[in-house]
C-alpha atoms as a PDB file:
ATOM      1  CA  UNK A   1      -9.306  12.385 -11.570  1.00  0.00           C
ATOM      2  CA  UNK A   2      -6.005  13.711 -11.182  1.00  0.00           C
ATOM      3  CA  UNK A   3      -4.597  15.219 -14.510  1.00  0.00           C
ATOM      4  CA  UNK A   4      -0.809  15.300 -15.546  1.00  0.00           C
ATOM      5  CA  UNK A   5      -0.780  18.975 -16.286  1.00  0.00           C
ATOM      6  CA  UNK A   6      -2.171  19.539 -12.726  1.00  0.00           C
ATOM      7  CA  UNK A   7       0.459  17.766 -11.279  1.00  0.00           C
ATOM      8  CA  UNK A   8       3.390  19.136 -13.472  1.00  0.00           C
ATOM      9  CA  UNK A   9       1.687  22.165 -12.276  1.00  0.00           C
ATOM     10  CA  UNK A  10       1.703  21.783  -8.683  1.00  0.00           C
ATOM     11  CA  UNK A  11       4.836  19.488  -8.220  1.00  0.00           C
ATOM     12  CA  UNK A  12       6.981  20.248 -11.675  1.00  0.00           C
ATOM     13  CA  UNK A  13       7.864  17.972 -14.219  1.00  0.00           C
ATOM     14  CA  UNK A  14       9.421  17.234 -17.614  1.00  0.00           C
ATOM     15  CA  UNK A  15       7.934  14.979 -20.577  1.00  0.00           C
ATOM     16  CA  UNK A  16       9.885  11.857 -19.289  1.00  0.00           C
ATOM     17  CA  UNK A  17       8.257  12.141 -16.067  1.00  0.00           C
ATOM     18  CA  UNK A  18       4.642  12.728 -17.108  1.00  0.00           C
ATOM     19  CA  UNK A  19       5.458   9.702 -19.722  1.00  0.00           C
ATOM     20  CA  UNK A  20       6.639   7.682 -16.950  1.00  0.00           C
ATOM     21  CA  UNK A  21       3.755   8.711 -14.770  1.00  0.00           C
ATOM     22  CA  UNK A  22       1.124   8.070 -17.730  1.00  0.00           C
ATOM     23  CA  UNK A  23       2.558   4.448 -18.287  1.00  0.00           C
ATOM     24  CA  UNK A  24       2.260   3.326 -14.909  1.00  0.00           C
ATOM     25  CA  UNK A  25      -0.873   4.584 -14.117  1.00  0.00           C
ATOM     26  CA  UNK A  26      -2.417   3.313 -17.333  1.00  0.00           C
ATOM     27  CA  UNK A  27      -0.869  -0.179 -16.214  1.00  0.00           C
ATOM     28  CA  UNK A  28      -1.567  -0.221 -12.765  1.00  0.00           C
ATOM     29  CA  UNK A  29      -4.671   1.700 -12.136  1.00  0.00           C
ATOM     30  CA  UNK A  30      -7.702  -1.134 -12.274  1.00  0.00           C
ATOM     31  CA  UNK A  31      -4.961  -3.091  -9.985  1.00  0.00           C
ATOM     32  CA  UNK A  32      -4.788  -0.039  -7.542  1.00  0.00           C
ATOM     33  CA  UNK A  33      -8.415   0.785  -7.478  1.00  0.00           C
ATOM     34  CA  UNK A  34      -9.607  -3.143  -6.474  1.00  0.00           C
ATOM     35  CA  UNK A  35      -6.680  -3.191  -3.455  1.00  0.00           C
ATOM     36  CA  UNK A  36      -8.368   0.136  -2.106  1.00  0.00           C
ATOM     37  CA  UNK A  37     -11.800  -1.423  -2.693  1.00  0.00           C
ATOM     38  CA  UNK A  38     -10.945  -4.311  -0.945  1.00  0.00           C
ATOM     39  CA  UNK A  39      -9.787  -2.939   2.125  1.00  0.00           C
ATOM     40  CA  UNK A  40     -12.362   0.401   2.341  1.00  0.00           C
ATOM     41  CA  UNK A  41     -15.443  -1.685   0.492  1.00  0.00           C
ATOM     42  CA  UNK A  42     -16.473   1.234  -0.613  1.00  0.00           C
ATOM     43  CA  UNK A  43     -15.932   3.092  -4.283  1.00  0.00           C
ATOM     44  CA  UNK A  44     -16.019   6.141  -3.596  1.00  0.00           C
ATOM     45  CA  UNK A  45     -12.838   5.932  -0.469  1.00  0.00           C
ATOM     46  CA  UNK A  46     -10.988   3.204  -3.040  1.00  0.00           C
ATOM     47  CA  UNK A  47     -10.887   6.360  -5.344  1.00  0.00           C
ATOM     48  CA  UNK A  48     -10.032   8.775  -2.979  1.00  0.00           C
ATOM     49  CA  UNK A  49      -7.269   6.293  -1.769  1.00  0.00           C
ATOM     50  CA  UNK A  50      -5.811   5.616  -5.204  1.00  0.00           C
ATOM     51  CA  UNK A  51      -5.485   9.261  -6.050  1.00  0.00           C
ATOM     52  CA  UNK A  52      -3.931   9.840  -2.808  1.00  0.00           C
ATOM     53  CA  UNK A  53      -1.635   7.031  -3.940  1.00  0.00           C
ATOM     54  CA  UNK A  54      -1.203   8.792  -7.546  1.00  0.00           C
ATOM     55  CA  UNK A  55       0.370  12.090  -6.039  1.00  0.00           C
ATOM     56  CA  UNK A  56       2.468   9.915  -4.090  1.00  0.00           C
ATOM     57  CA  UNK A  57       4.006   7.722  -7.143  1.00  0.00           C
ATOM     58  CA  UNK A  58       4.067  11.217  -9.177  1.00  0.00           C
ATOM     59  CA  UNK A  59       6.131  12.715  -6.450  1.00  0.00           C
ATOM     60  CA  UNK A  60       8.615   9.637  -6.326  1.00  0.00           C
ATOM     61  CA  UNK A  61       8.231   9.178  -9.698  1.00  0.00           C
ATOM     62  CA  UNK A  62      12.166   9.203 -10.510  1.00  0.00           C
ATOM     63  CA  UNK A  63      12.015   5.939  -8.115  1.00  0.00           C
ATOM     64  CA  UNK A  64      10.350   3.818 -10.447  1.00  0.00           C
ATOM     65  CA  UNK A  65      10.935   1.565 -13.708  1.00  0.00           C
ATOM     66  CA  UNK A  66       8.635   1.493 -16.328  1.00  0.00           C
ATOM     67  CA  UNK A  67       6.204  -1.821 -15.933  1.00  0.00           C
ATOM     68  CA  UNK A  68       6.146  -4.457 -16.452  1.00  0.00           C
ATOM     69  CA  UNK A  69       8.519  -3.872 -13.020  1.00  0.00           C
ATOM     70  CA  UNK A  70       8.000  -6.004 -10.067  1.00  0.00           C
ATOM     71  CA  UNK A  71       9.593  -3.323  -7.689  1.00  0.00           C
ATOM     72  CA  UNK A  72       7.332  -0.809  -9.185  1.00  0.00           C
ATOM     73  CA  UNK A  73       4.016  -2.755  -9.246  1.00  0.00           C
ATOM     74  CA  UNK A  74       4.923  -4.068  -5.712  1.00  0.00           C
ATOM     75  CA  UNK A  75       5.744  -0.139  -4.702  1.00  0.00           C
ATOM     76  CA  UNK A  76       2.484   1.009  -5.972  1.00  0.00           C
ATOM     77  CA  UNK A  77       0.479  -1.546  -4.988  1.00  0.00           C
ATOM     78  CA  UNK A  78       1.906  -0.967  -1.579  1.00  0.00           C
ATOM     79  CA  UNK A  79       1.341   2.998  -1.658  1.00  0.00           C
ATOM     80  CA  UNK A  80      -2.416   2.563  -2.674  1.00  0.00           C
ATOM     81  CA  UNK A  81      -2.964  -0.196   0.090  1.00  0.00           C
ATOM     82  CA  UNK A  82      -1.109   2.165   3.025  1.00  0.00           C
ATOM     83  CA  UNK A  83      -3.494   5.132   1.554  1.00  0.00           C
ATOM     84  CA  UNK A  84      -6.407   2.999   1.870  1.00  0.00           C
ATOM     85  CA  UNK A  85      -5.729   1.942   5.316  1.00  0.00           C
ATOM     86  CA  UNK A  86      -4.844   5.408   6.319  1.00  0.00           C
ATOM     87  CA  UNK A  87      -7.907   6.543   5.130  1.00  0.00           C
ATOM     88  CA  UNK A  88      -9.730   3.922   7.036  1.00  0.00           C
ATOM     89  CA  UNK A  89      -8.181   4.879  10.223  1.00  0.00           C
ATOM     90  CA  UNK A  90      -9.404   7.944   9.181  1.00  0.00           C
ATOM     91  CA  UNK A  91     -13.003   7.774   8.660  1.00  0.00           C
ATOM     92  CA  UNK A  92     -12.723   5.143  11.971  1.00  0.00           C
ATOM     93  CA  UNK A  93     -11.480   8.223  13.796  1.00  0.00           C
ATOM     94  CA  UNK A  94     -14.538  10.490  13.018  1.00  0.00           C
ATOM     95  CA  UNK A  95     -17.464   7.602  12.783  1.00  0.00           C
ATOM     96  CA  UNK A  96     -20.236   7.887  14.754  1.00  0.00           C
ATOM     97  CA  UNK A  97     -21.891   4.751  15.842  1.00  0.00           C
ATOM     98  CA  UNK A  98     -24.826   3.872  14.456  1.00  0.00           C
ATOM     99  CA  UNK A  99     -28.565   3.984  16.323  1.00  0.00           C
ATOM    100  CA  UNK A 100     -29.587   0.689  14.559  1.00  0.00           C
ATOM    101  CA  UNK A 101     -29.310  -1.787  16.916  1.00  0.00           C
ATOM    102  CA  UNK A 102     -29.234  -4.355  13.897  1.00  0.00           C
ATOM    103  CA  UNK A 103     -26.307  -2.828  12.367  1.00  0.00           C
ATOM    104  CA  UNK A 104     -23.315  -4.978  11.400  1.00  0.00           C
ATOM    105  CA  UNK A 105     -20.394  -3.461  10.076  1.00  0.00           C
ATOM    106  CA  UNK A 106     -19.092  -4.251   6.281  1.00  0.00           C
ATOM    107  CA  UNK A 107     -15.838  -3.047   6.595  1.00  0.00           C
ATOM    108  CA  UNK A 108     -13.341  -5.502   5.482  1.00  0.00           C
ATOM    109  CA  UNK A 109     -11.328  -5.078   8.546  1.00  0.00           C
ATOM    110  CA  UNK A 110     -12.253  -5.920  12.167  1.00  0.00           C
ATOM    111  CA  UNK A 111     -10.638  -3.627  14.997  1.00  0.00           C
ATOM    112  CA  UNK A 112      -8.549  -6.949  16.133  1.00  0.00           C
ATOM    113  CA  UNK A 113      -7.121  -7.244  12.530  1.00  0.00           C
ATOM    114  CA  UNK A 114      -6.720  -3.148  13.031  1.00  0.00           C
ATOM    115  CA  UNK A 115      -4.169  -3.646  16.251  1.00  0.00           C
ATOM    116  CA  UNK A 116      -2.023  -6.783  13.345  1.00  0.00           C
ATOM    117  CA  UNK A 117      -2.314  -3.663  10.899  1.00  0.00           C
ATOM    118  CA  UNK A 118      -0.827  -1.037  13.589  1.00  0.00           C
ATOM    119  CA  UNK A 119       1.952  -3.678  14.659  1.00  0.00           C
ATOM    120  CA  UNK A 120       3.020  -4.355  11.390  1.00  0.00           C
ATOM    121  CA  UNK A 121       3.010  -0.637  10.790  1.00  0.00           C
ATOM    122  CA  UNK A 122       4.958  -0.437  13.420  1.00  0.00           C
ATOM    123  CA  UNK A 123       7.866  -2.660  12.146  1.00  0.00           C
ATOM    124  CA  UNK A 124      10.958  -0.648  10.522  1.00  0.00           C
ATOM    125  CA  UNK A 125      10.847  -0.356   6.908  1.00  0.00           C
ATOM    126  CA  UNK A 126      12.823  -3.504   5.623  1.00  0.00           C
ATOM    127  CA  UNK A 127      10.876  -5.867   7.743  1.00  0.00           C
ATOM    128  CA  UNK A 128       7.430  -4.606   6.857  1.00  0.00           C
ATOM    129  CA  UNK A 129       8.481  -4.450   3.324  1.00  0.00           C
ATOM    130  CA  UNK A 130       9.626  -8.204   2.998  1.00  0.00           C
ATOM    131  CA  UNK A 131       6.719  -9.297   5.232  1.00  0.00           C
ATOM    132  CA  UNK A 132       4.130  -7.703   3.140  1.00  0.00           C
ATOM    133  CA  UNK A 133       5.706  -8.711  -0.011  1.00  0.00           C
ATOM    134  CA  UNK A 134       5.909 -12.245   1.037  1.00  0.00           C
ATOM    135  CA  UNK A 135       2.279 -12.681   2.666  1.00  0.00           C
ATOM    136  CA  UNK A 136       0.231  -9.723   0.984  1.00  0.00           C
ATOM    137  CA  UNK A 137       1.462  -9.686  -2.341  1.00  0.00           C
ATOM    138  CA  UNK A 138       2.750 -13.622  -2.727  1.00  0.00           C
ATOM    139  CA  UNK A 139       6.322 -13.070  -4.312  1.00  0.00           C
ATOM    140  CA  UNK A 140       8.698 -15.793  -3.182  1.00  0.00           C
ATOM    141  CA  UNK A 141      11.955 -15.058  -1.303  1.00  0.00           C
ATOM    142  CA  UNK A 142      13.957 -15.324  -4.741  1.00  0.00           C
ATOM    143  CA  UNK A 143      11.884 -12.304  -6.231  1.00  0.00           C
ATOM    144  CA  UNK A 144      12.214 -10.274  -2.981  1.00  0.00           C
ATOM    145  CA  UNK A 145      15.779 -10.570  -3.296  1.00  0.00           C
ATOM    146  CA  UNK A 146      15.702  -9.808  -6.644  1.00  0.00           C
ATOM    147  CA  UNK A 147      13.825  -6.650  -5.926  1.00  0.00           C
ATOM    148  CA  UNK A 148      15.676  -5.410  -3.026  1.00  0.00           C
ATOM    149  CA  UNK A 149      19.238  -6.964  -4.498  1.00  0.00           C
ATOM    150  CA  UNK A 150      19.788  -8.915  -1.517  1.00  0.00           C
ATOM    151  CA  UNK A 151      20.094 -13.078  -1.428  1.00  0.00           C
ATOM    152  CA  UNK A 152      17.268 -14.909  -1.051  1.00  0.00           C
ATOM    153  CA  UNK A 153      19.118 -16.474   2.485  1.00  0.00           C
ATOM    154  CA  UNK A 154      18.487 -12.392   3.571  1.00  0.00           C
ATOM    155  CA  UNK A 155      15.202 -12.365   2.599  1.00  0.00           C
ATOM    156  CA  UNK A 156      14.572 -15.141   4.620  1.00  0.00           C
ATOM    157  CA  UNK A 157      15.978 -14.381   7.519  1.00  0.00           C
ATOM    158  CA  UNK A 158      14.552 -10.864   7.610  1.00  0.00           C
ATOM    159  CA  UNK A 159      11.052 -12.322   7.272  1.00  0.00           C
ATOM    160  CA  UNK A 160      11.887 -14.485  10.182  1.00  0.00           C
ATOM    161  CA  UNK A 161      13.278 -11.183  11.874  1.00  0.00           C
ATOM    162  CA  UNK A 162      10.043  -9.423  11.065  1.00  0.00           C
ATOM    163  CA  UNK A 163       7.576 -12.533  12.514  1.00  0.00           C
ATOM    164  CA  UNK A 164       9.538 -12.714  15.472  1.00  0.00           C
ATOM    165  CA  UNK A 165       9.180  -8.557  16.346  1.00  0.00           C
ATOM    166  CA  UNK A 166       5.676  -8.860  15.290  1.00  0.00           C
ATOM    167  CA  UNK A 167       4.896 -11.502  17.613  1.00  0.00           C
ATOM    168  CA  UNK A 168       6.199  -9.457  20.238  1.00  0.00           C
ATOM    169  CA  UNK A 169       4.284  -6.613  19.390  1.00  0.00           C
ATOM    170  CA  UNK A 170       1.104  -8.209  19.462  1.00  0.00           C
ATOM    171  CA  UNK A 171       1.898 -10.199  22.768  1.00  0.00           C
ATOM    172  CA  UNK A 172       2.251  -6.504  24.449  1.00  0.00           C
ATOM    173  CA  UNK A 173      -1.033  -5.474  22.805  1.00  0.00           C
END
């Protein structure tokens, strides 16, 4: 586990930042692990993804409020899921095909869904965020609007635009 003293020495930080990090870590560590585990289907890899996410959280700690805050929760989860997907991609690039013909992959994502993930990742940040907040994390358009400081009508329009762009990207593939 990454210690605060390591992060403080490596990235710098004061007591306020350390307290905020500790609070976020305690509040969301299990949720982060389960999100990464769902994607990677492996405890060790999930821990690696959570560690990478925690470093990213520490580097941007000033952006977050103390829990319970829906923006902080969704941001931490999104960072964790992105780190897990990045790790999954890295592992797929270097993995070898097993010789056993009876082998069936146990990964949570198929190659088709990796194409969908790539298409979602290629969307602009604002469109990707509203899409993931709505359909991955289950927030309503009103909740997303509150988090992003936009009206729920604007959020609905962004979701519609994101779906259109995603459909176009998937047609290209």
